[in-house]
């Protein structure tokens, strides 16, 4: 599987809604915390759409920056990040046995630290 090139024959459409929650300039360039909601379900859809918009994930070895972010690299007090910077906060689906099901997961500590740092940096 691979992302289809624009206008490629037999490619399937995909749509993602998004909103920027907080954004700021860092030592590595602009960084933002984004809420994205895929309207379709293509492989790597969010990662591909963010890259196409010129805003790849902060750490994404396949579609963006492959290096880890070390503590302080974004700016004073910024956290270290050593994995794909993507998190599914909630997934909803219809189960034949249970009806509508929504599964939620809290933001992991490393991404929570990044969001807090971004919020404090953007506010300050």
PDB file of N, CA and C in Angstrom:
ATOM      1  N   UNK A   1       0.846  -1.181   0.000  1.00  0.00           N
ATOM      2  CA  UNK A   1       0.000   0.000   0.000  1.00  0.00           C
ATOM      3  C   UNK A   1       0.887   1.239   0.000  1.00  0.00           C
ATOM      4  N   UNK A   2       0.407   2.281  -0.686  1.00  0.00           N
ATOM      5  CA  UNK A   2       1.107   3.556  -0.715  1.00  0.00           C
ATOM      6  C   UNK A   2       0.091   4.642  -0.978  1.00  0.00           C
ATOM      7  N   UNK A   3       0.396   5.871  -0.618  1.00  0.00           N
ATOM      8  CA  UNK A   3      -0.526   6.966  -0.928  1.00  0.00           C
ATOM      9  C   UNK A   3      -0.624   7.152  -2.441  1.00  0.00           C
ATOM     10  N   UNK A   4      -1.815   7.411  -2.918  1.00  0.00           N
ATOM     11  CA  UNK A   4      -2.010   7.670  -4.345  1.00  0.00           C
ATOM     12  C   UNK A   4      -1.511   9.066  -4.684  1.00  0.00           C
ATOM     13  N   UNK A   5      -0.953   9.191  -5.870  1.00  0.00           N
ATOM     14  CA  UNK A   5      -0.548  10.510  -6.359  1.00  0.00           C
ATOM     15  C   UNK A   5      -1.798  11.280  -6.788  1.00  0.00           C
ATOM     16  N   UNK A   6      -1.789  12.611  -6.681  1.00  0.00           N
ATOM     17  CA  UNK A   6      -2.952  13.390  -7.121  1.00  0.00           C
ATOM     18  C   UNK A   6      -3.324  13.052  -8.562  1.00  0.00           C
ATOM     19  N   UNK A   7      -4.604  12.760  -8.785  1.00  0.00           N
ATOM     20  CA  UNK A   7      -5.086  12.452 -10.118  1.00  0.00           C
ATOM     21  C   UNK A   7      -4.784  11.049 -10.600  1.00  0.00           C
ATOM     22  N   UNK A   8      -4.225  10.199  -9.749  1.00  0.00           N
ATOM     23  CA  UNK A   8      -3.874   8.842 -10.144  1.00  0.00           C
ATOM     24  C   UNK A   8      -5.146   8.047 -10.453  1.00  0.00           C
ATOM     25  N   UNK A   9      -5.167   7.340 -11.589  1.00  0.00           N
ATOM     26  CA  UNK A   9      -6.350   6.538 -11.924  1.00  0.00           C
ATOM     27  C   UNK A   9      -6.628   5.485 -10.852  1.00  0.00           C
ATOM     28  N   UNK A  10      -7.893   5.224 -10.603  1.00  0.00           N
ATOM     29  CA  UNK A  10      -8.361   4.211  -9.641  1.00  0.00           C
ATOM     30  C   UNK A  10      -8.048   4.547  -8.189  1.00  0.00           C
ATOM     31  N   UNK A  11      -7.595   5.768  -7.908  1.00  0.00           N
ATOM     32  CA  UNK A  11      -7.361   6.134  -6.506  1.00  0.00           C
ATOM     33  C   UNK A  11      -8.704   6.408  -5.834  1.00  0.00           C
ATOM     34  N   UNK A  12      -8.739   6.277  -4.536  1.00  0.00           N
ATOM     35  CA  UNK A  12      -9.953   6.511  -3.770  1.00  0.00           C
ATOM     36  C   UNK A  12      -9.873   7.869  -3.071  1.00  0.00           C
ATOM     37  N   UNK A  13     -10.978   8.583  -2.994  1.00  0.00           N
ATOM     38  CA  UNK A  13     -10.950   9.884  -2.319  1.00  0.00           C
ATOM     39  C   UNK A  13     -10.793   9.712  -0.811  1.00  0.00           C
ATOM     40  N   UNK A  14     -10.248  10.735  -0.186  1.00  0.00           N
ATOM     41  CA  UNK A  14     -10.154  10.737   1.273  1.00  0.00           C
ATOM     42  C   UNK A  14     -10.318  12.166   1.769  1.00  0.00           C
ATOM     43  N   UNK A  15     -10.923  12.291   2.944  1.00  0.00           N
ATOM     44  CA  UNK A  15     -11.173  13.606   3.538  1.00  0.00           C
ATOM     45  C   UNK A  15     -10.837  13.576   5.013  1.00  0.00           C
ATOM     46  N   UNK A  16     -10.256  14.665   5.480  1.00  0.00           N
ATOM     47  CA  UNK A  16      -9.941  14.829   6.893  1.00  0.00           C
ATOM     48  C   UNK A  16     -10.356  16.226   7.319  1.00  0.00           C
ATOM     49  N   UNK A  17     -11.122  16.315   8.405  1.00  0.00           N
ATOM     50  CA  UNK A  17     -11.420  17.608   9.027  1.00  0.00           C
ATOM     51  C   UNK A  17     -10.384  17.828  10.115  1.00  0.00           C
ATOM     52  N   UNK A  18      -9.965  19.064  10.303  1.00  0.00           N
ATOM     53  CA  UNK A  18      -8.988  19.325  11.355  1.00  0.00           C
ATOM     54  C   UNK A  18      -9.177  20.734  11.907  1.00  0.00           C
ATOM     55  N   UNK A  19      -8.637  20.927  13.098  1.00  0.00           N
ATOM     56  CA  UNK A  19      -8.566  22.274  13.673  1.00  0.00           C
ATOM     57  C   UNK A  19      -7.291  22.363  14.494  1.00  0.00           C
ATOM     58  N   UNK A  20      -6.679  23.528  14.433  1.00  0.00           N
ATOM     59  CA  UNK A  20      -5.454  23.775  15.180  1.00  0.00           C
ATOM     60  C   UNK A  20      -5.850  24.216  16.584  1.00  0.00           C
ATOM     61  N   UNK A  21      -5.393  23.489  17.594  1.00  0.00           N
ATOM     62  CA  UNK A  21      -5.708  23.816  18.982  1.00  0.00           C
ATOM     63  C   UNK A  21      -4.761  24.860  19.543  1.00  0.00           C
ATOM     64  N   UNK A  22      -3.479  24.715  19.225  1.00  0.00           N
ATOM     65  CA  UNK A  22      -2.471  25.688  19.657  1.00  0.00           C
ATOM     66  C   UNK A  22      -1.286  25.562  18.711  1.00  0.00           C
ATOM     67  N   UNK A  23      -0.658  26.673  18.421  1.00  0.00           N
ATOM     68  CA  UNK A  23       0.504  26.661  17.528  1.00  0.00           C
ATOM     69  C   UNK A  23       1.522  27.673  18.026  1.00  0.00           C
ATOM     70  N   UNK A  24       2.791  27.369  17.801  1.00  0.00           N
ATOM     71  CA  UNK A  24       3.833  28.323  18.160  1.00  0.00           C
ATOM     72  C   UNK A  24       5.087  28.057  17.330  1.00  0.00           C
ATOM     73  N   UNK A  25       5.952  29.028  17.315  1.00  0.00           N
ATOM     74  CA  UNK A  25       7.243  28.905  16.634  1.00  0.00           C
ATOM     75  C   UNK A  25       8.226  28.285  17.624  1.00  0.00           C
ATOM     76  N   UNK A  26       8.992  27.293  17.161  1.00  0.00           N
ATOM     77  CA  UNK A  26       9.979  26.640  18.018  1.00  0.00           C
ATOM     78  C   UNK A  26      11.342  26.694  17.339  1.00  0.00           C
ATOM     79  N   UNK A  27      12.343  26.185  18.015  1.00  0.00           N
ATOM     80  CA  UNK A  27      13.690  26.133  17.442  1.00  0.00           C
ATOM     81  C   UNK A  27      13.743  25.246  16.196  1.00  0.00           C
ATOM     82  N   UNK A  28      12.796  24.322  16.050  1.00  0.00           N
ATOM     83  CA  UNK A  28      12.738  23.457  14.865  1.00  0.00           C
ATOM     84  C   UNK A  28      11.763  23.987  13.810  1.00  0.00           C
ATOM     85  N   UNK A  29      11.160  25.137  14.063  1.00  0.00           N
ATOM     86  CA  UNK A  29      10.159  25.688  13.155  1.00  0.00           C
ATOM     87  C   UNK A  29       8.783  25.654  13.798  1.00  0.00           C
ATOM     88  N   UNK A  30       7.747  25.964  13.026  1.00  0.00           N
ATOM     89  CA  UNK A  30       6.402  25.986  13.608  1.00  0.00           C
ATOM     90  C   UNK A  30       5.961  24.583  14.036  1.00  0.00           C
ATOM     91  N   UNK A  31       5.296  24.520  15.187  1.00  0.00           N
ATOM     92  CA  UNK A  31       4.759  23.269  15.731  1.00  0.00           C
ATOM     93  C   UNK A  31       3.360  23.569  16.240  1.00  0.00           C
ATOM     94  N   UNK A  32       2.444  22.620  16.026  1.00  0.00           N
ATOM     95  CA  UNK A  32       1.055  22.826  16.459  1.00  0.00           C
ATOM     96  C   UNK A  32       0.489  21.542  17.038  1.00  0.00           C
ATOM     97  N   UNK A  33      -0.475  21.712  17.909  1.00  0.00           N
ATOM     98  CA  UNK A  33      -1.291  20.611  18.401  1.00  0.00           C
ATOM     99  C   UNK A  33      -2.581  20.680  17.586  1.00  0.00           C
ATOM    100  N   UNK A  34      -2.891  19.621  16.864  1.00  0.00           N
ATOM    101  CA  UNK A  34      -3.998  19.602  15.916  1.00  0.00           C
ATOM    102  C   UNK A  34      -4.967  18.486  16.278  1.00  0.00           C
ATOM    103  N   UNK A  35      -6.252  18.793  16.208  1.00  0.00           N
ATOM    104  CA  UNK A  35      -7.279  17.751  16.322  1.00  0.00           C
ATOM    105  C   UNK A  35      -7.713  17.411  14.908  1.00  0.00           C
ATOM    106  N   UNK A  36      -7.571  16.161  14.517  1.00  0.00           N
ATOM    107  CA  UNK A  36      -7.926  15.733  13.164  1.00  0.00           C
ATOM    108  C   UNK A  36      -8.972  14.635  13.238  1.00  0.00           C
ATOM    109  N   UNK A  37      -9.947  14.738  12.339  1.00  0.00           N
ATOM    110  CA  UNK A  37     -11.023  13.743  12.283  1.00  0.00           C
ATOM    111  C   UNK A  37     -11.138  13.229  10.849  1.00  0.00           C
ATOM    112  N   UNK A  38     -10.703  11.989  10.622  1.00  0.00           N
ATOM    113  CA  UNK A  38     -10.827  11.442   9.269  1.00  0.00           C
ATOM    114  C   UNK A  38     -12.292  11.187   8.928  1.00  0.00           C
ATOM    115  N   UNK A  39     -12.696  11.594   7.740  1.00  0.00           N
ATOM    116  CA  UNK A  39     -14.062  11.335   7.267  1.00  0.00           C
ATOM    117  C   UNK A  39     -14.100  10.048   6.442  1.00  0.00           C
ATOM    118  N   UNK A  40     -12.949   9.593   6.017  1.00  0.00           N
ATOM    119  CA  UNK A  40     -12.810   8.327   5.306  1.00  0.00           C
ATOM    120  C   UNK A  40     -11.758   7.531   6.061  1.00  0.00           C
ATOM    121  N   UNK A  41     -11.505   6.319   5.651  1.00  0.00           N
ATOM    122  CA  UNK A  41     -10.583   5.475   6.404  1.00  0.00           C
ATOM    123  C   UNK A  41      -9.479   4.888   5.547  1.00  0.00           C
ATOM    124  N   UNK A  42      -8.641   5.724   5.013  1.00  0.00           N
ATOM    125  CA  UNK A  42      -7.534   5.239   4.191  1.00  0.00           C
ATOM    126  C   UNK A  42      -6.293   5.020   5.058  1.00  0.00           C
ATOM    127  N   UNK A  43      -5.443   4.110   4.626  1.00  0.00           N
ATOM    128  CA  UNK A  43      -4.228   3.809   5.379  1.00  0.00           C
ATOM    129  C   UNK A  43      -3.349   5.055   5.495  1.00  0.00           C
ATOM    130  N   UNK A  44      -2.913   5.358   6.698  1.00  0.00           N
ATOM    131  CA  UNK A  44      -2.031   6.489   7.000  1.00  0.00           C
ATOM    132  C   UNK A  44      -2.651   7.835   6.601  1.00  0.00           C
ATOM    133  N   UNK A  45      -3.957   7.895   6.503  1.00  0.00           N
ATOM    134  CA  UNK A  45      -4.642   9.085   5.994  1.00  0.00           C
ATOM    135  C   UNK A  45      -4.237  10.370   6.701  1.00  0.00           C
ATOM    136  N   UNK A  46      -4.277  10.394   8.017  1.00  0.00           N
ATOM    137  CA  UNK A  46      -3.940  11.632   8.737  1.00  0.00           C
ATOM    138  C   UNK A  46      -2.494  12.033   8.484  1.00  0.00           C
ATOM    139  N   UNK A  47      -1.606  11.081   8.503  1.00  0.00           N
ATOM    140  CA  UNK A  47      -0.187  11.367   8.293  1.00  0.00           C
ATOM    141  C   UNK A  47       0.053  11.915   6.889  1.00  0.00           C
ATOM    142  N   UNK A  48      -0.596  11.326   5.902  1.00  0.00           N
ATOM    143  CA  UNK A  48      -0.438  11.770   4.518  1.00  0.00           C
ATOM    144  C   UNK A  48      -1.042  13.160   4.331  1.00  0.00           C
ATOM    145  N   UNK A  49      -2.229  13.392   4.872  1.00  0.00           N
ATOM    146  CA  UNK A  49      -2.873  14.697   4.717  1.00  0.00           C
ATOM    147  C   UNK A  49      -2.086  15.804   5.410  1.00  0.00           C
ATOM    148  N   UNK A  50      -1.573  15.534   6.593  1.00  0.00           N
ATOM    149  CA  UNK A  50      -0.786  16.557   7.283  1.00  0.00           C
ATOM    150  C   UNK A  50       0.496  16.874   6.517  1.00  0.00           C
ATOM    151  N   UNK A  51       1.141  15.860   5.990  1.00  0.00           N
ATOM    152  CA  UNK A  51       2.342  16.105   5.175  1.00  0.00           C
ATOM    153  C   UNK A  51       1.992  16.912   3.933  1.00  0.00           C
ATOM    154  N   UNK A  52       0.905  16.557   3.267  1.00  0.00           N
ATOM    155  CA  UNK A  52       0.493  17.270   2.059  1.00  0.00           C
ATOM    156  C   UNK A  52       0.163  18.729   2.347  1.00  0.00           C
ATOM    157  N   UNK A  53      -0.286  19.015   3.566  1.00  0.00           N
ATOM    158  CA  UNK A  53      -0.598  20.390   3.965  1.00  0.00           C
ATOM    159  C   UNK A  53       0.653  21.150   4.402  1.00  0.00           C
ATOM    160  N   UNK A  54       1.818  20.486   4.349  1.00  0.00           N
ATOM    161  CA  UNK A  54       3.053  21.134   4.767  1.00  0.00           C
ATOM    162  C   UNK A  54       3.239  21.143   6.271  1.00  0.00           C
ATOM    163  N   UNK A  55       2.512  20.267   6.971  1.00  0.00           N
ATOM    164  CA  UNK A  55       2.568  20.213   8.430  1.00  0.00           C
ATOM    165  C   UNK A  55       2.676  18.762   8.898  1.00  0.00           C
ATOM    166  N   UNK A  56       3.771  18.064   8.563  1.00  0.00           N
ATOM    167  CA  UNK A  56       3.884  16.657   8.968  1.00  0.00           C
ATOM    168  C   UNK A  56       3.978  16.525  10.483  1.00  0.00           C
ATOM    169  N   UNK A  57       3.709  15.317  10.966  1.00  0.00           N
ATOM    170  CA  UNK A  57       3.863  15.057  12.394  1.00  0.00           C
ATOM    171  C   UNK A  57       5.288  15.398  12.822  1.00  0.00           C
ATOM    172  N   UNK A  58       5.435  15.816  14.059  1.00  0.00           N
ATOM    173  CA  UNK A  58       6.741  16.214  14.576  1.00  0.00           C
ATOM    174  C   UNK A  58       7.747  15.065  14.516  1.00  0.00           C
ATOM    175  N   UNK A  59       7.297  13.863  14.861  1.00  0.00           N
ATOM    176  CA  UNK A  59       8.135  12.673  14.718  1.00  0.00           C
ATOM    177  C   UNK A  59       7.322  11.658  13.912  1.00  0.00           C
ATOM    178  N   UNK A  60       7.757  11.408  12.689  1.00  0.00           N
ATOM    179  CA  UNK A  60       7.094  10.453  11.799  1.00  0.00           C
ATOM    180  C   UNK A  60       8.127   9.937  10.803  1.00  0.00           C
ATOM    181  N   UNK A  61       8.718   8.777  11.073  1.00  0.00           N
ATOM    182  CA  UNK A  61       9.792   8.270  10.224  1.00  0.00           C
ATOM    183  C   UNK A  61       9.396   8.024   8.771  1.00  0.00           C
ATOM    184  N   UNK A  62       8.120   7.850   8.489  1.00  0.00           N
ATOM    185  CA  UNK A  62       7.687   7.551   7.132  1.00  0.00           C
ATOM    186  C   UNK A  62       7.294   8.793   6.336  1.00  0.00           C
ATOM    187  N   UNK A  63       6.627   9.755   6.974  1.00  0.00           N
ATOM    188  CA  UNK A  63       6.079  10.907   6.255  1.00  0.00           C
ATOM    189  C   UNK A  63       6.621  12.255   6.713  1.00  0.00           C
ATOM    190  N   UNK A  64       7.596  12.260   7.572  1.00  0.00           N
ATOM    191  CA  UNK A  64       8.115  13.534   8.059  1.00  0.00           C
ATOM    192  C   UNK A  64       9.466  13.355   8.704  1.00  0.00           C
ATOM    193  N   UNK A  65       9.681  14.038   9.781  1.00  0.00           N
ATOM    194  CA  UNK A  65      10.942  14.002  10.514  1.00  0.00           C
ATOM    195  C   UNK A  65      11.104  12.636  11.166  1.00  0.00           C
ATOM    196  N   UNK A  66      12.214  11.962  10.895  1.00  0.00           N
ATOM    197  CA  UNK A  66      12.417  10.624  11.447  1.00  0.00           C
ATOM    198  C   UNK A  66      13.195  10.634  12.755  1.00  0.00           C
ATOM    199  N   UNK A  67      13.895  11.720  13.059  1.00  0.00           N
ATOM    200  CA  UNK A  67      14.703  11.778  14.274  1.00  0.00           C
ATOM    201  C   UNK A  67      13.833  12.065  15.495  1.00  0.00           C
ATOM    202  N   UNK A  68      14.238  11.496  16.622  1.00  0.00           N
ATOM    203  CA  UNK A  68      13.595  11.825  17.888  1.00  0.00           C
ATOM    204  C   UNK A  68      13.830  13.286  18.208  1.00  0.00           C
ATOM    205  N   UNK A  69      12.983  13.856  19.037  1.00  0.00           N
ATOM    206  CA  UNK A  69      13.161  15.221  19.534  1.00  0.00           C
ATOM    207  C   UNK A  69      13.694  15.100  20.955  1.00  0.00           C
ATOM    208  N   UNK A  70      14.847  15.681  21.213  1.00  0.00           N
ATOM    209  CA  UNK A  70      15.437  15.595  22.540  1.00  0.00           C
ATOM    210  C   UNK A  70      14.859  16.681  23.441  1.00  0.00           C
ATOM    211  N   UNK A  71      14.964  16.469  24.742  1.00  0.00           N
ATOM    212  CA  UNK A  71      14.468  17.451  25.710  1.00  0.00           C
ATOM    213  C   UNK A  71      15.143  18.796  25.460  1.00  0.00           C
ATOM    214  N   UNK A  72      14.361  19.848  25.371  1.00  0.00           N
ATOM    215  CA  UNK A  72      14.876  21.194  25.158  1.00  0.00           C
ATOM    216  C   UNK A  72      15.135  21.551  23.708  1.00  0.00           C
ATOM    217  N   UNK A  73      15.002  20.602  22.795  1.00  0.00           N
ATOM    218  CA  UNK A  73      15.317  20.866  21.390  1.00  0.00           C
ATOM    219  C   UNK A  73      14.333  21.841  20.740  1.00  0.00           C
ATOM    220  N   UNK A  74      13.086  21.813  21.151  1.00  0.00           N
ATOM    221  CA  UNK A  74      12.095  22.753  20.597  1.00  0.00           C
ATOM    222  C   UNK A  74      12.248  24.139  21.220  1.00  0.00           C
ATOM    223  N   UNK A  75      12.727  24.167  22.425  1.00  0.00           N
ATOM    224  CA  UNK A  75      12.887  25.401  23.187  1.00  0.00           C
ATOM    225  C   UNK A  75      13.034  25.046  24.654  1.00  0.00           C
ATOM    226  N   UNK A  76      13.337  26.023  25.458  1.00  0.00           N
ATOM    227  CA  UNK A  76      13.569  25.781  26.882  1.00  0.00           C
ATOM    228  C   UNK A  76      12.383  25.079  27.539  1.00  0.00           C
ATOM    229  N   UNK A  77      12.673  23.959  28.200  1.00  0.00           N
ATOM    230  CA  UNK A  77      11.654  23.214  28.927  1.00  0.00           C
ATOM    231  C   UNK A  77      10.818  22.268  28.078  1.00  0.00           C
ATOM    232  N   UNK A  78      11.115  22.167  26.792  1.00  0.00           N
ATOM    233  CA  UNK A  78      10.305  21.283  25.939  1.00  0.00           C
ATOM    234  C   UNK A  78      10.638  19.819  26.212  1.00  0.00           C
ATOM    235  N   UNK A  79       9.632  18.933  26.089  1.00  0.00           N
ATOM    236  CA  UNK A  79       9.850  17.521  26.402  1.00  0.00           C
ATOM    237  C   UNK A  79      10.533  16.763  25.269  1.00  0.00           C
ATOM    238  N   UNK A  80      11.061  15.601  25.613  1.00  0.00           N
ATOM    239  CA  UNK A  80      11.622  14.682  24.616  1.00  0.00           C
ATOM    240  C   UNK A  80      10.486  13.875  24.002  1.00  0.00           C
ATOM    241  N   UNK A  81      10.635  13.548  22.726  1.00  0.00           N
ATOM    242  CA  UNK A  81       9.635  12.741  22.021  1.00  0.00           C
ATOM    243  C   UNK A  81      10.377  11.700  21.196  1.00  0.00           C
ATOM    244  N   UNK A  82      10.064  10.429  21.439  1.00  0.00           N
ATOM    245  CA  UNK A  82      10.816   9.382  20.762  1.00  0.00           C
ATOM    246  C   UNK A  82       9.911   8.379  20.066  1.00  0.00           C
ATOM    247  N   UNK A  83       8.755   8.845  19.618  1.00  0.00           N
ATOM    248  CA  UNK A  83       7.839   7.953  18.909  1.00  0.00           C
ATOM    249  C   UNK A  83       6.950   8.776  17.991  1.00  0.00           C
ATOM    250  N   UNK A  84       6.182   8.086  17.186  1.00  0.00           N
ATOM    251  CA  UNK A  84       5.230   8.746  16.309  1.00  0.00           C
ATOM    252  C   UNK A  84       4.334   9.670  17.138  1.00  0.00           C
ATOM    253  N   UNK A  85       4.264  10.927  16.774  1.00  0.00           N
ATOM    254  CA  UNK A  85       3.508  11.904  17.554  1.00  0.00           C
ATOM    255  C   UNK A  85       2.058  11.984  17.056  1.00  0.00           C
ATOM    256  N   UNK A  86       1.366  10.874  17.238  1.00  0.00           N
ATOM    257  CA  UNK A  86      -0.027  10.741  16.828  1.00  0.00           C
ATOM    258  C   UNK A  86      -0.749   9.951  17.904  1.00  0.00           C
ATOM    259  N   UNK A  87      -1.972  10.367  18.233  1.00  0.00           N
ATOM    260  CA  UNK A  87      -2.730   9.692  19.280  1.00  0.00           C
ATOM    261  C   UNK A  87      -4.200   9.635  18.897  1.00  0.00           C
ATOM    262  N   UNK A  88      -4.815   8.471  19.004  1.00  0.00           N
ATOM    263  CA  UNK A  88      -6.255   8.331  18.791  1.00  0.00           C
ATOM    264  C   UNK A  88      -6.953   8.536  20.125  1.00  0.00           C
ATOM    265  N   UNK A  89      -7.555   9.704  20.307  1.00  0.00           N
ATOM    266  CA  UNK A  89      -8.254  10.011  21.556  1.00  0.00           C
ATOM    267  C   UNK A  89      -9.560   9.234  21.665  1.00  0.00           C
ATOM    268  N   UNK A  90     -10.207   8.998  20.523  1.00  0.00           N
ATOM    269  CA  UNK A  90     -11.470   8.256  20.520  1.00  0.00           C
ATOM    270  C   UNK A  90     -11.687   7.610  19.162  1.00  0.00           C
ATOM    271  N   UNK A  91     -12.251   6.432  19.202  1.00  0.00           N
ATOM    272  CA  UNK A  91     -12.640   5.720  17.985  1.00  0.00           C
ATOM    273  C   UNK A  91     -14.060   5.218  18.200  1.00  0.00           C
ATOM    274  N   UNK A  92     -14.919   5.496  17.228  1.00  0.00           N
ATOM    275  CA  UNK A  92     -16.319   5.060  17.310  1.00  0.00           C
ATOM    276  C   UNK A  92     -16.637   4.141  16.139  1.00  0.00           C
ATOM    277  N   UNK A  93     -17.473   3.157  16.412  1.00  0.00           N
ATOM    278  CA  UNK A  93     -17.910   2.240  15.362  1.00  0.00           C
ATOM    279  C   UNK A  93     -19.235   1.606  15.776  1.00  0.00           C
ATOM    280  N   UNK A  94     -19.892   0.999  14.807  1.00  0.00           N
ATOM    281  CA  UNK A  94     -21.147   0.295  15.078  1.00  0.00           C
ATOM    282  C   UNK A  94     -20.848  -1.198  15.140  1.00  0.00           C
ATOM    283  N   UNK A  95     -21.181  -1.801  16.271  1.00  0.00           N
ATOM    284  CA  UNK A  95     -20.992  -3.230  16.469  1.00  0.00           C
ATOM    285  C   UNK A  95     -22.327  -3.942  16.227  1.00  0.00           C
ATOM    286  N   UNK A  96     -22.322  -5.023  15.460  1.00  0.00           N
ATOM    287  CA  UNK A  96     -23.574  -5.758  15.259  1.00  0.00           C
ATOM    288  C   UNK A  96     -24.144  -6.297  16.570  1.00  0.00           C
ATOM    289  N   UNK A  97     -23.282  -6.590  17.534  1.00  0.00           N
ATOM    290  CA  UNK A  97     -23.731  -7.152  18.802  1.00  0.00           C
ATOM    291  C   UNK A  97     -24.113  -6.092  19.828  1.00  0.00           C
ATOM    292  N   UNK A  98     -23.440  -4.918  19.791  1.00  0.00           N
ATOM    293  CA  UNK A  98     -23.613  -3.926  20.859  1.00  0.00           C
ATOM    294  C   UNK A  98     -24.174  -2.586  20.387  1.00  0.00           C
ATOM    295  N   UNK A  99     -24.292  -2.393  19.105  1.00  0.00           N
ATOM    296  CA  UNK A  99     -24.719  -1.084  18.601  1.00  0.00           C
ATOM    297  C   UNK A  99     -23.534  -0.133  18.529  1.00  0.00           C
ATOM    298  N   UNK A 100     -23.787   1.147  18.783  1.00  0.00           N
ATOM    299  CA  UNK A 100     -22.727   2.150  18.705  1.00  0.00           C
ATOM    300  C   UNK A 100     -21.753   1.995  19.870  1.00  0.00           C
ATOM    301  N   UNK A 101     -20.468   1.944  19.542  1.00  0.00           N
ATOM    302  CA  UNK A 101     -19.413   1.784  20.545  1.00  0.00           C
ATOM    303  C   UNK A 101     -18.400   2.914  20.349  1.00  0.00           C
ATOM    304  N   UNK A 102     -17.999   3.544  21.447  1.00  0.00           N
ATOM    305  CA  UNK A 102     -16.929   4.531  21.420  1.00  0.00           C
ATOM    306  C   UNK A 102     -15.883   4.126  22.446  1.00  0.00           C
ATOM    307  N   UNK A 103     -14.643   4.066  22.008  1.00  0.00           N
ATOM    308  CA  UNK A 103     -13.523   3.735  22.878  1.00  0.00           C
ATOM    309  C   UNK A 103     -12.662   4.988  22.977  1.00  0.00           C
ATOM    310  N   UNK A 104     -12.334   5.400  24.189  1.00  0.00           N
ATOM    311  CA  UNK A 104     -11.509   6.588  24.389  1.00  0.00           C
ATOM    312  C   UNK A 104     -10.217   6.217  25.103  1.00  0.00           C
ATOM    313  N   UNK A 105      -9.214   7.066  24.915  1.00  0.00           N
ATOM    314  CA  UNK A 105      -7.920   6.859  25.574  1.00  0.00           C
ATOM    315  C   UNK A 105      -7.355   8.221  25.941  1.00  0.00           C
ATOM    316  N   UNK A 106      -6.865   8.375  27.169  1.00  0.00           N
ATOM    317  CA  UNK A 106      -6.271   9.652  27.556  1.00  0.00           C
ATOM    318  C   UNK A 106      -4.972   9.906  26.792  1.00  0.00           C
ATOM    319  N   UNK A 107      -4.597  11.156  26.711  1.00  0.00           N
ATOM    320  CA  UNK A 107      -3.355  11.535  26.057  1.00  0.00           C
ATOM    321  C   UNK A 107      -2.184  10.967  26.865  1.00  0.00           C
ATOM    322  N   UNK A 108      -1.254  10.249  26.233  1.00  0.00           N
ATOM    323  CA  UNK A 108      -0.098   9.714  26.965  1.00  0.00           C
ATOM    324  C   UNK A 108       0.760  10.838  27.554  1.00  0.00           C
ATOM    325  N   UNK A 109       1.551  10.497  28.541  1.00  0.00           N
ATOM    326  CA  UNK A 109       2.330  11.492  29.288  1.00  0.00           C
ATOM    327  C   UNK A 109       3.228  12.337  28.382  1.00  0.00           C
ATOM    328  N   UNK A 110       3.913  11.717  27.401  1.00  0.00           N
ATOM    329  CA  UNK A 110       4.828  12.493  26.563  1.00  0.00           C
ATOM    330  C   UNK A 110       4.083  13.501  25.690  1.00  0.00           C
ATOM    331  N   UNK A 111       2.945  13.090  25.120  1.00  0.00           N
ATOM    332  CA  UNK A 111       2.175  14.016  24.291  1.00  0.00           C
ATOM    333  C   UNK A 111       1.437  15.051  25.135  1.00  0.00           C
ATOM    334  N   UNK A 112       1.051  14.665  26.344  1.00  0.00           N
ATOM    335  CA  UNK A 112       0.443  15.622  27.263  1.00  0.00           C
ATOM    336  C   UNK A 112       1.459  16.698  27.659  1.00  0.00           C
ATOM    337  N   UNK A 113       2.696  16.278  27.892  1.00  0.00           N
ATOM    338  CA  UNK A 113       3.766  17.237  28.218  1.00  0.00           C
ATOM    339  C   UNK A 113       4.010  18.182  27.047  1.00  0.00           C
ATOM    340  N   UNK A 114       3.990  17.653  25.824  1.00  0.00           N
ATOM    341  CA  UNK A 114       4.177  18.504  24.649  1.00  0.00           C
ATOM    342  C   UNK A 114       3.028  19.498  24.510  1.00  0.00           C
ATOM    343  N   UNK A 115       1.797  19.028  24.655  1.00  0.00           N
ATOM    344  CA  UNK A 115       0.639  19.917  24.545  1.00  0.00           C
ATOM    345  C   UNK A 115       0.695  21.016  25.614  1.00  0.00           C
ATOM    346  N   UNK A 116       1.072  20.639  26.832  1.00  0.00           N
ATOM    347  CA  UNK A 116       1.200  21.627  27.901  1.00  0.00           C
ATOM    348  C   UNK A 116       2.292  22.631  27.601  1.00  0.00           C
ATOM    349  N   UNK A 117       3.416  22.160  27.094  1.00  0.00           N
ATOM    350  CA  UNK A 117       4.517  23.062  26.756  1.00  0.00           C
ATOM    351  C   UNK A 117       4.112  24.002  25.632  1.00  0.00           C
ATOM    352  N   UNK A 118       3.466  23.462  24.599  1.00  0.00           N
ATOM    353  CA  UNK A 118       3.001  24.301  23.491  1.00  0.00           C
ATOM    354  C   UNK A 118       2.017  25.354  23.980  1.00  0.00           C
ATOM    355  N   UNK A 119       1.069  24.941  24.814  1.00  0.00           N
ATOM    356  CA  UNK A 119       0.081  25.879  25.349  1.00  0.00           C
ATOM    357  C   UNK A 119       0.728  26.968  26.162  1.00  0.00           C
ATOM    358  N   UNK A 120       1.699  26.618  26.986  1.00  0.00           N
ATOM    359  CA  UNK A 120       2.409  27.622  27.788  1.00  0.00           C
ATOM    360  C   UNK A 120       3.268  28.536  26.938  1.00  0.00           C
ATOM    361  N   UNK A 121       3.874  27.983  25.873  1.00  0.00           N
ATOM    362  CA  UNK A 121       4.718  28.778  24.980  1.00  0.00           C
ATOM    363  C   UNK A 121       3.874  29.727  24.150  1.00  0.00           C
ATOM    364  N   UNK A 122       2.745  29.226  23.628  1.00  0.00           N
ATOM    365  CA  UNK A 122       1.886  30.063  22.793  1.00  0.00           C
ATOM    366  C   UNK A 122       1.230  31.170  23.624  1.00  0.00           C
ATOM    367  N   UNK A 123       0.921  30.850  24.891  1.00  0.00           N
ATOM    368  CA  UNK A 123       0.280  31.845  25.750  1.00  0.00           C
ATOM    369  C   UNK A 123       1.272  32.877  26.268  1.00  0.00           C
ATOM    370  N   UNK A 124       2.544  32.452  26.402  1.00  0.00           N
ATOM    371  CA  UNK A 124       3.548  33.313  26.994  1.00  0.00           C
ATOM    372  C   UNK A 124       4.199  34.120  26.021  1.00  0.00           C
TER     373      UNK A 124
END
